[in-house]
Amino acid sequence: MLTTAQQKVKQELEELQINALTHHYDKQVIPRKRYPFKKWIITIIATILLMVTCFLLLKEYWTQKELGLTSYIMKAHDYNQQSETILNNFLAGNLANIVESRGKQENILIKVTNLPTSTSFDEHHQDLITVIEHRLDMMTSIKDPIHSDKIQLNKALIELSVKQELAADSLIEGFELEKIKYKRHVNGTIQYWINSKSYLVEQ
């Protein structure tokens, strides 16, 4: 027979063994992270919105670039035509006020100089400035085109023709750098296309 003290110790040992067995089979349950369906929907929508925004920004960039190129080419062409008309009227003696006409030529030169352009057309821009400066020099140096020295006049006209040809060539180079489709016609006009629209430039 066990004494009371021994029975108590035995009882405590049995309780310890039961507790040990119980804790041995207890497994810690780690909750699994679950991403709600709403989070997936929000992620997909956010991705789509980001893609659409990037597309619209890219489209806006190209549209602005195309508008800038078209604006430069058309304004440069318009100013060039105005400058050429003033010189032709001067050489034909059709100007009532030569000083005023020189002033108009100077204003055109300022406008062309201040024209914003892209890097691809920098060379053309500079060539066009050189052409208009030459026209202005002719109007300044030749006092009376009707009775002036024909040799001097012809020399100035040949130099002008060369500079105009250089400007036409650099315009073509600008088209090629910007990958703009163009066609040079026999009569000297240049046809080009930007965003499927056709434009003409007379040289």
Protein backbone atom coordinates (compact mmCIF):
# COMPACT_ATOMS: atom_id res chain seq x y z
CA MET A 1 0.00 0.00 0.00
CA LEU A 2 1.19 3.49 -0.87
CA THR A 3 1.29 6.10 1.77
CA THR A 4 -0.70 9.25 1.42
CA ALA A 5 2.41 11.20 0.38
CA GLN A 6 3.32 8.61 -2.23
CA GLN A 7 -0.19 8.63 -3.65
CA LYS A 8 -0.06 12.39 -3.92
CA VAL A 9 3.28 12.25 -5.77
CA LYS A 10 1.94 9.56 -8.09
CA GLN A 11 -1.15 11.62 -8.84
CA GLU A 12 0.99 14.66 -9.66
CA LEU A 13 3.20 12.60 -11.99
CA GLU A 14 0.16 11.26 -13.81
CA GLU A 15 -1.18 14.78 -14.26
CA LEU A 16 2.18 15.91 -15.63
CA GLN A 17 2.23 13.03 -18.13
CA ILE A 18 -1.33 13.83 -19.27
CA ASN A 19 -0.42 17.50 -19.73
CA ALA A 20 2.70 16.57 -21.68
CA LEU A 21 0.72 14.34 -24.04
CA THR A 22 -1.93 16.99 -24.51
CA HIS A 23 0.63 19.71 -25.46
CA HIS A 24 2.48 17.31 -27.73
CA TYR A 25 -0.56 16.87 -29.97
CA ASP A 26 -1.52 20.53 -29.91
CA LYS A 27 -0.45 22.21 -33.16
CA GLN A 28 -0.16 25.93 -33.52
CA VAL A 29 -2.63 27.11 -36.11
CA ILE A 30 -1.15 29.87 -38.27
CA PRO A 31 -3.83 31.82 -40.01
CA ARG A 32 -3.30 31.95 -43.78
CA LYS A 33 -3.28 35.31 -45.39
CA ARG A 34 -6.18 35.70 -47.69
CA TYR A 35 -6.42 38.46 -50.22
CA PRO A 36 -9.99 39.48 -50.65
CA PHE A 37 -11.48 39.48 -54.13
CA LYS A 38 -11.89 43.27 -53.94
CA LYS A 39 -8.14 43.77 -53.67
CA TRP A 40 -7.58 41.82 -56.89
CA ILE A 41 -10.21 43.89 -58.67
CA ILE A 42 -8.64 47.16 -57.44
CA THR A 43 -5.18 46.00 -58.56
CA ILE A 44 -6.43 45.10 -62.05
CA ILE A 45 -8.33 48.39 -62.42
CA ALA A 46 -5.32 50.41 -61.23
CA THR A 47 -3.08 48.63 -63.75
CA ILE A 48 -5.51 49.31 -66.61
CA LEU A 49 -5.84 52.99 -65.60
CA LEU A 50 -2.05 53.34 -65.49
CA MET A 51 -1.71 51.84 -68.97
CA VAL A 52 -4.43 54.10 -70.38
CA THR A 53 -2.85 57.16 -68.76
CA CYS A 54 0.58 56.31 -70.21
CA PHE A 55 -0.96 55.80 -73.66
CA LEU A 56 -2.79 59.15 -73.53
CA LEU A 57 0.33 60.99 -72.35
CA LEU A 58 2.38 59.42 -75.14
CA LYS A 59 -0.27 60.29 -77.71
CA GLU A 60 -0.41 63.89 -76.44
CA TYR A 61 3.39 64.14 -76.67
CA TRP A 62 3.47 62.97 -80.30
CA THR A 63 0.51 65.18 -81.22
CA GLN A 64 2.22 68.25 -79.78
CA LYS A 65 5.46 67.33 -81.52
CA GLU A 66 3.70 66.92 -84.87
CA LEU A 67 1.88 70.23 -84.43
CA GLY A 68 5.17 71.92 -83.55
CA LEU A 69 6.91 70.56 -86.64
CA THR A 70 4.03 71.50 -88.94
CA SER A 71 3.85 74.99 -87.42
CA TYR A 72 7.58 75.58 -87.88
CA ILE A 73 7.68 74.35 -91.49
CA MET A 74 4.60 76.36 -92.53
CA LYS A 75 5.73 79.57 -90.81
CA ALA A 76 9.27 79.23 -92.17
CA HIS A 77 7.85 78.72 -95.67
CA ASP A 78 5.50 81.70 -95.32
CA TYR A 79 8.26 84.03 -94.09
CA ASN A 80 10.57 82.83 -96.85
CA GLN A 81 7.93 83.62 -99.50
CA GLN A 82 7.33 87.08 -98.04
CA SER A 83 11.07 87.79 -97.99
CA GLU A 84 11.48 86.61 -101.58
CA THR A 85 8.56 88.76 -102.77
CA ILE A 86 10.05 91.88 -101.16
CA LEU A 87 13.42 91.26 -102.83
CA ASN A 88 11.85 90.55 -106.24
CA ASN A 89 9.83 93.78 -106.07
CA PHE A 90 12.99 95.63 -105.06
CA LEU A 91 14.98 94.20 -108.00
CA ALA A 92 12.15 95.03 -110.41
CA GLY A 93 11.98 98.61 -109.15
CA ASN A 94 8.38 98.16 -108.00
CA LEU A 95 8.86 99.51 -104.49
CA ALA A 96 7.49 102.94 -103.69
CA ASN A 97 9.41 103.13 -100.42
CA ILE A 98 12.69 101.19 -100.35
CA VAL A 99 13.48 102.12 -96.74
CA GLU A 100 10.11 100.77 -95.61
CA SER A 101 10.66 97.56 -97.58
CA ARG A 102 14.06 97.08 -95.95
CA GLY A 103 12.33 97.48 -92.60
CA LYS A 104 9.85 94.73 -93.54
CA GLN A 105 12.74 92.48 -94.56
CA GLU A 106 14.42 93.14 -91.20
CA ASN A 107 11.18 92.27 -89.35
CA ILE A 108 10.91 88.99 -91.27
CA LEU A 109 14.50 88.18 -90.31
CA ILE A 110 13.68 88.78 -86.63
CA LYS A 111 10.57 86.59 -86.84
CA VAL A 112 12.46 83.75 -88.51
CA THR A 113 15.30 84.00 -85.98
CA ASN A 114 12.80 83.67 -83.12
CA LEU A 115 10.96 80.70 -84.62
CA PRO A 116 10.91 77.73 -82.21
CA THR A 117 12.11 74.55 -83.87
CA SER A 118 13.17 71.00 -83.11
CA THR A 119 16.78 69.80 -83.12
CA SER A 120 16.21 68.00 -86.43
CA PHE A 121 15.49 71.30 -88.21
CA ASP A 122 18.20 73.43 -86.55
CA GLU A 123 20.37 73.35 -89.66
CA HIS A 124 17.47 74.36 -91.91
CA HIS A 125 16.58 77.14 -89.50
CA GLN A 126 20.11 78.52 -89.68
CA ASP A 127 20.21 78.16 -93.48
CA LEU A 128 16.94 80.07 -93.82
CA ILE A 129 18.28 82.87 -91.62
CA THR A 130 21.35 83.04 -93.89
CA VAL A 131 19.13 83.31 -96.99
CA ILE A 132 17.08 86.20 -95.58
CA GLU A 133 20.22 87.96 -94.33
CA HIS A 134 21.63 87.76 -97.88
CA ARG A 135 18.45 89.27 -99.33
CA LEU A 136 18.64 92.08 -96.80
CA ASP A 137 22.31 92.67 -97.65
CA MET A 138 21.40 92.90 -101.34
CA MET A 139 18.75 95.51 -100.59
CA THR A 140 21.27 97.46 -98.52
CA SER A 141 24.31 97.27 -100.82
CA ILE A 142 22.50 97.73 -104.14
CA LYS A 143 21.19 101.28 -104.14
CA ASP A 144 19.60 101.25 -107.58
CA PRO A 145 18.90 97.71 -108.87
CA ILE A 146 17.75 98.94 -112.29
CA HIS A 147 20.97 100.83 -113.05
CA SER A 148 23.38 98.89 -110.86
CA ASP A 149 26.44 96.94 -111.93
CA LYS A 150 25.04 93.79 -113.60
CA ILE A 151 28.12 91.73 -112.72
CA GLN A 152 27.75 92.56 -109.02
CA LEU A 153 24.02 91.87 -109.17
CA ASN A 154 24.44 88.52 -110.94
CA LYS A 155 27.10 87.46 -108.46
CA ALA A 156 24.76 88.28 -105.56
CA LEU A 157 21.91 86.36 -107.22
CA ILE A 158 24.11 83.28 -107.78
CA GLU A 159 25.19 83.34 -104.13
CA LEU A 160 21.55 83.65 -103.11
CA SER A 161 20.59 80.69 -105.31
CA VAL A 162 23.28 78.53 -103.70
CA LYS A 163 22.12 79.46 -100.19
CA GLN A 164 18.50 78.74 -101.10
CA GLU A 165 19.51 75.31 -102.39
CA LEU A 166 21.35 74.61 -99.14
CA ALA A 167 18.21 75.56 -97.21
CA ALA A 168 16.13 73.18 -99.35
CA ASP A 169 18.62 70.36 -98.74
CA SER A 170 18.67 70.90 -94.98
CA LEU A 171 14.87 70.86 -94.97
CA ILE A 172 15.02 67.40 -96.59
CA GLU A 173 17.55 66.32 -93.96
CA GLY A 174 15.13 67.45 -91.27
CA PHE A 175 12.38 65.32 -92.80
CA GLU A 176 14.69 62.31 -92.87
CA LEU A 177 15.81 62.79 -89.26
CA GLU A 178 12.18 63.01 -88.11
CA LYS A 179 11.26 60.09 -90.41
CA ILE A 180 8.66 62.26 -92.15
CA LYS A 181 7.50 60.97 -95.53
CA TYR A 182 8.22 63.46 -98.32
CA LYS A 183 8.45 63.78 -102.10
CA ARG A 184 10.50 66.31 -104.05
CA HIS A 185 8.76 67.29 -107.28
CA VAL A 186 10.45 68.35 -110.52
CA ASN A 187 9.11 71.91 -110.23
CA GLY A 188 10.97 72.35 -106.93
CA THR A 189 8.03 71.92 -104.57
CA ILE A 190 8.32 69.50 -101.68
CA GLN A 191 5.30 67.50 -100.59
CA TYR A 192 5.37 65.95 -97.13
CA TRP A 193 2.98 64.05 -94.89
CA ILE A 194 2.51 64.39 -91.12
CA ASN A 195 -0.12 62.25 -89.41
CA SER A 196 -1.56 61.27 -92.83
CA LYS A 197 -2.05 64.92 -93.81
CA SER A 198 -0.33 66.25 -96.93
CA TYR A 199 1.45 69.62 -97.10
CA LEU A 200 3.32 71.47 -99.87
CA VAL A 201 6.40 73.67 -99.62
CA GLU A 202 7.55 75.72 -102.60
CA GLN A 203 11.28 76.24 -102.93
